[in-house]
């Protein structure tokens, strides 16, 4: 029997061009500025990624679609998780030009129902960090990546 899953959608407007935002999804030196403490990326179709958030929470998956400056789609899950293992869900980032900036739309598909709240909290945190970086602000190390 399959467990019920849900889709989470979030949108945020960022005062920068899609060309400025796009590298934050495919360049490890840029991605680590908004998420995690150690990042391994292979940004091509079928390429793997590993984002170590804090030594305990490690996101693993692969890129399934990349359209420069428009879209990044990757499978998503957590190392060692039975509820949401690597590759069990899909995250889609859409970069839509709008006025003086970009509307970043995140669709996270196939989230186990019991993980929706934590994923909502996580993506809210990380999209706000992405907005600050995209708009040229220095935000320092991700506070969630610092182990106690």
C-alpha atoms as a PDB file:
ATOM      1  CA  UNK A   1       0.000   0.000   0.000  1.00  0.00           C
ATOM      2  CA  UNK A   2       1.368   3.389  -0.921  1.00  0.00           C
ATOM      3  CA  UNK A   3       1.459   6.093   1.717  1.00  0.00           C
ATOM      4  CA  UNK A   4      -0.368   9.363   1.057  1.00  0.00           C
ATOM      5  CA  UNK A   5       1.808  12.122  -0.295  1.00  0.00           C
ATOM      6  CA  UNK A   6       1.292  15.824  -0.842  1.00  0.00           C
ATOM      7  CA  UNK A   7       2.651  18.628  -2.992  1.00  0.00           C
ATOM      8  CA  UNK A   8       4.103  21.742  -1.429  1.00  0.00           C
ATOM      9  CA  UNK A   9       4.200  24.945  -3.491  1.00  0.00           C
ATOM     10  CA  UNK A  10       5.994  28.127  -2.449  1.00  0.00           C
ATOM     11  CA  UNK A  11       6.672  31.340  -4.351  1.00  0.00           C
ATOM     12  CA  UNK A  12       8.964  34.248  -3.601  1.00  0.00           C
ATOM     13  CA  UNK A  13       9.810  37.373  -5.595  1.00  0.00           C
ATOM     14  CA  UNK A  14      13.515  38.182  -5.796  1.00  0.00           C
ATOM     15  CA  UNK A  15      14.911  41.480  -7.121  1.00  0.00           C
ATOM     16  CA  UNK A  16      17.421  39.960  -9.555  1.00  0.00           C
ATOM     17  CA  UNK A  17      17.470  38.433 -13.004  1.00  0.00           C
ATOM     18  CA  UNK A  18      17.004  34.649 -13.489  1.00  0.00           C
ATOM     19  CA  UNK A  19      20.615  34.588 -14.771  1.00  0.00           C
ATOM     20  CA  UNK A  20      21.768  35.754 -11.334  1.00  0.00           C
ATOM     21  CA  UNK A  21      19.676  33.166  -9.489  1.00  0.00           C
ATOM     22  CA  UNK A  22      20.273  30.092 -11.650  1.00  0.00           C
ATOM     23  CA  UNK A  23      23.904  29.428 -10.555  1.00  0.00           C
ATOM     24  CA  UNK A  24      22.705  29.056  -6.936  1.00  0.00           C
ATOM     25  CA  UNK A  25      21.212  25.674  -7.993  1.00  0.00           C
ATOM     26  CA  UNK A  26      24.113  24.282 -10.037  1.00  0.00           C
ATOM     27  CA  UNK A  27      27.330  25.825  -8.695  1.00  0.00           C
ATOM     28  CA  UNK A  28      28.443  24.203  -5.399  1.00  0.00           C
ATOM     29  CA  UNK A  29      30.213  27.381  -4.241  1.00  0.00           C
ATOM     30  CA  UNK A  30      26.962  29.320  -4.656  1.00  0.00           C
ATOM     31  CA  UNK A  31      24.582  26.629  -3.373  1.00  0.00           C
ATOM     32  CA  UNK A  32      26.492  26.281  -0.099  1.00  0.00           C
ATOM     33  CA  UNK A  33      25.971  29.991   0.546  1.00  0.00           C
ATOM     34  CA  UNK A  34      22.236  29.375   1.062  1.00  0.00           C
ATOM     35  CA  UNK A  35      21.998  25.712   2.096  1.00  0.00           C
ATOM     36  CA  UNK A  36      24.154  23.243   3.947  1.00  0.00           C
ATOM     37  CA  UNK A  37      27.750  23.004   5.048  1.00  0.00           C
ATOM     38  CA  UNK A  38      29.138  20.591   2.473  1.00  0.00           C
ATOM     39  CA  UNK A  39      27.851  20.195  -1.075  1.00  0.00           C
ATOM     40  CA  UNK A  40      28.682  17.832  -3.925  1.00  0.00           C
ATOM     41  CA  UNK A  41      26.945  18.591  -7.223  1.00  0.00           C
ATOM     42  CA  UNK A  42      27.022  16.990 -10.649  1.00  0.00           C
ATOM     43  CA  UNK A  43      24.698  19.455 -12.440  1.00  0.00           C
ATOM     44  CA  UNK A  44      23.661  17.516 -15.543  1.00  0.00           C
ATOM     45  CA  UNK A  45      20.699  15.291 -16.375  1.00  0.00           C
ATOM     46  CA  UNK A  46      21.153  12.142 -14.290  1.00  0.00           C
ATOM     47  CA  UNK A  47      23.916  13.819 -12.273  1.00  0.00           C
ATOM     48  CA  UNK A  48      23.957  13.177  -8.550  1.00  0.00           C
ATOM     49  CA  UNK A  49      24.019  15.670  -5.714  1.00  0.00           C
ATOM     50  CA  UNK A  50      24.610  15.459  -1.962  1.00  0.00           C
ATOM     51  CA  UNK A  51      23.839  18.363   0.370  1.00  0.00           C
ATOM     52  CA  UNK A  52      25.049  17.877   3.922  1.00  0.00           C
ATOM     53  CA  UNK A  53      22.919  20.267   5.971  1.00  0.00           C
ATOM     54  CA  UNK A  54      24.416  19.659   9.419  1.00  0.00           C
ATOM     55  CA  UNK A  55      26.149  16.279   9.539  1.00  0.00           C
ATOM     56  CA  UNK A  56      22.896  14.486  10.360  1.00  0.00           C
ATOM     57  CA  UNK A  57      20.465  15.663   7.674  1.00  0.00           C
ATOM     58  CA  UNK A  58      21.885  14.879   4.250  1.00  0.00           C
ATOM     59  CA  UNK A  59      19.782  15.444   1.127  1.00  0.00           C
ATOM     60  CA  UNK A  60      20.593  13.126  -1.764  1.00  0.00           C
ATOM     61  CA  UNK A  61      19.160  12.794  -5.257  1.00  0.00           C
ATOM     62  CA  UNK A  62      19.818  13.544  -8.885  1.00  0.00           C
ATOM     63  CA  UNK A  63      19.115  16.225 -11.436  1.00  0.00           C
ATOM     64  CA  UNK A  64      16.324  15.221 -13.818  1.00  0.00           C
ATOM     65  CA  UNK A  65      15.839  18.450 -15.774  1.00  0.00           C
ATOM     66  CA  UNK A  66      17.939  21.576 -16.172  1.00  0.00           C
ATOM     67  CA  UNK A  67      17.041  24.489 -18.419  1.00  0.00           C
ATOM     68  CA  UNK A  68      19.566  27.282 -17.796  1.00  0.00           C
ATOM     69  CA  UNK A  69      17.997  30.378 -16.227  1.00  0.00           C
ATOM     70  CA  UNK A  70      14.508  28.793 -16.359  1.00  0.00           C
ATOM     71  CA  UNK A  71      14.177  25.533 -14.451  1.00  0.00           C
ATOM     72  CA  UNK A  72      15.945  22.977 -12.252  1.00  0.00           C
ATOM     73  CA  UNK A  73      14.258  19.691 -11.302  1.00  0.00           C
ATOM     74  CA  UNK A  74      15.814  17.147  -8.976  1.00  0.00           C
ATOM     75  CA  UNK A  75      14.795  14.088  -7.048  1.00  0.00           C
ATOM     76  CA  UNK A  76      14.976  14.646  -3.280  1.00  0.00           C
ATOM     77  CA  UNK A  77      15.210  12.611  -0.131  1.00  0.00           C
ATOM     78  CA  UNK A  78      17.233  12.079   3.016  1.00  0.00           C
ATOM     79  CA  UNK A  79      20.102   9.688   3.624  1.00  0.00           C
ATOM     80  CA  UNK A  80      19.060   6.965   6.062  1.00  0.00           C
ATOM     81  CA  UNK A  81      15.366   7.962   6.066  1.00  0.00           C
ATOM     82  CA  UNK A  82      12.713   5.278   5.738  1.00  0.00           C
ATOM     83  CA  UNK A  83       9.932   7.859   5.504  1.00  0.00           C
ATOM     84  CA  UNK A  84      11.531  10.004   2.766  1.00  0.00           C
ATOM     85  CA  UNK A  85      14.548   8.143   1.316  1.00  0.00           C
ATOM     86  CA  UNK A  86      16.804   9.603  -1.401  1.00  0.00           C
ATOM     87  CA  UNK A  87      14.973  10.033  -4.696  1.00  0.00           C
ATOM     88  CA  UNK A  88      11.499   9.493  -3.206  1.00  0.00           C
ATOM     89  CA  UNK A  89      10.247  13.016  -3.926  1.00  0.00           C
ATOM     90  CA  UNK A  90      10.846  15.635  -6.615  1.00  0.00           C
ATOM     91  CA  UNK A  91      11.698  19.312  -6.237  1.00  0.00           C
ATOM     92  CA  UNK A  92      11.103  21.716  -9.130  1.00  0.00           C
ATOM     93  CA  UNK A  93      12.463  25.270  -9.134  1.00  0.00           C
ATOM     94  CA  UNK A  94      10.980  27.585 -11.781  1.00  0.00           C
ATOM     95  CA  UNK A  95      12.655  30.935 -12.464  1.00  0.00           C
ATOM     96  CA  UNK A  96      10.043  33.216 -14.019  1.00  0.00           C
ATOM     97  CA  UNK A  97      11.124  36.727 -15.156  1.00  0.00           C
ATOM     98  CA  UNK A  98       8.766  39.315 -13.690  1.00  0.00           C
ATOM     99  CA  UNK A  99       9.085  43.101 -13.680  1.00  0.00           C
ATOM    100  CA  UNK A 100      12.503  43.975 -12.219  1.00  0.00           C
ATOM    101  CA  UNK A 101      13.270  40.501 -10.956  1.00  0.00           C
ATOM    102  CA  UNK A 102      12.375  36.835 -10.785  1.00  0.00           C
ATOM    103  CA  UNK A 103       9.444  34.947  -9.331  1.00  0.00           C
ATOM    104  CA  UNK A 104      10.966  31.768  -7.913  1.00  0.00           C
ATOM    105  CA  UNK A 105       8.359  29.007  -7.757  1.00  0.00           C
ATOM    106  CA  UNK A 106       9.143  25.850  -5.835  1.00  0.00           C
ATOM    107  CA  UNK A 107       7.038  22.721  -6.294  1.00  0.00           C
ATOM    108  CA  UNK A 108       7.958  19.796  -4.053  1.00  0.00           C
ATOM    109  CA  UNK A 109       6.046  16.685  -5.152  1.00  0.00           C
ATOM    110  CA  UNK A 110       5.400  13.370  -3.393  1.00  0.00           C
ATOM    111  CA  UNK A 111       6.174  14.509   0.158  1.00  0.00           C
ATOM    112  CA  UNK A 112       4.989  11.956   2.734  1.00  0.00           C
ATOM    113  CA  UNK A 113       2.117  13.565   4.670  1.00  0.00           C
ATOM    114  CA  UNK A 114       4.009  13.444   7.982  1.00  0.00           C
ATOM    115  CA  UNK A 115       6.916  15.385   6.400  1.00  0.00           C
ATOM    116  CA  UNK A 116       4.900  18.282   4.926  1.00  0.00           C
ATOM    117  CA  UNK A 117       5.239  20.561   7.979  1.00  0.00           C
ATOM    118  CA  UNK A 118       9.015  20.108   8.279  1.00  0.00           C
ATOM    119  CA  UNK A 119       9.493  20.589   4.527  1.00  0.00           C
ATOM    120  CA  UNK A 120       7.335  23.731   4.581  1.00  0.00           C
ATOM    121  CA  UNK A 121       9.480  25.135   7.406  1.00  0.00           C
ATOM    122  CA  UNK A 122      12.700  24.148   5.623  1.00  0.00           C
ATOM    123  CA  UNK A 123      11.809  25.620   2.247  1.00  0.00           C
ATOM    124  CA  UNK A 124      10.559  28.835   3.885  1.00  0.00           C
ATOM    125  CA  UNK A 125      13.949  29.172   5.604  1.00  0.00           C
ATOM    126  CA  UNK A 126      15.969  28.406   2.475  1.00  0.00           C
ATOM    127  CA  UNK A 127      13.941  30.504   0.022  1.00  0.00           C
ATOM    128  CA  UNK A 128      14.360  33.532   2.296  1.00  0.00           C
ATOM    129  CA  UNK A 129      18.128  32.907   2.292  1.00  0.00           C
ATOM    130  CA  UNK A 130      18.034  32.605  -1.523  1.00  0.00           C
ATOM    131  CA  UNK A 131      16.147  35.930  -1.748  1.00  0.00           C
ATOM    132  CA  UNK A 132      18.744  37.698   0.405  1.00  0.00           C
ATOM    133  CA  UNK A 133      21.638  36.318  -1.670  1.00  0.00           C
ATOM    134  CA  UNK A 134      19.929  37.014  -4.996  1.00  0.00           C
ATOM    135  CA  UNK A 135      19.424  40.617  -3.927  1.00  0.00           C
ATOM    136  CA  UNK A 136      23.113  40.968  -3.108  1.00  0.00           C
ATOM    137  CA  UNK A 137      22.997  40.741   0.685  1.00  0.00           C
ATOM    138  CA  UNK A 138      25.620  38.900   2.726  1.00  0.00           C
ATOM    139  CA  UNK A 139      23.897  36.428   5.008  1.00  0.00           C
ATOM    140  CA  UNK A 140      26.715  34.378   6.474  1.00  0.00           C
ATOM    141  CA  UNK A 141      26.715  30.649   7.122  1.00  0.00           C
ATOM    142  CA  UNK A 142      23.389  28.850   7.262  1.00  0.00           C
ATOM    143  CA  UNK A 143      22.502  28.751  10.982  1.00  0.00           C
ATOM    144  CA  UNK A 144      20.919  25.321  10.459  1.00  0.00           C
ATOM    145  CA  UNK A 145      24.273  23.935   9.281  1.00  0.00           C
ATOM    146  CA  UNK A 146      26.044  24.670  12.539  1.00  0.00           C
ATOM    147  CA  UNK A 147      26.084  21.634  14.814  1.00  0.00           C
ATOM    148  CA  UNK A 148      25.376  22.180  18.460  1.00  0.00           C
END
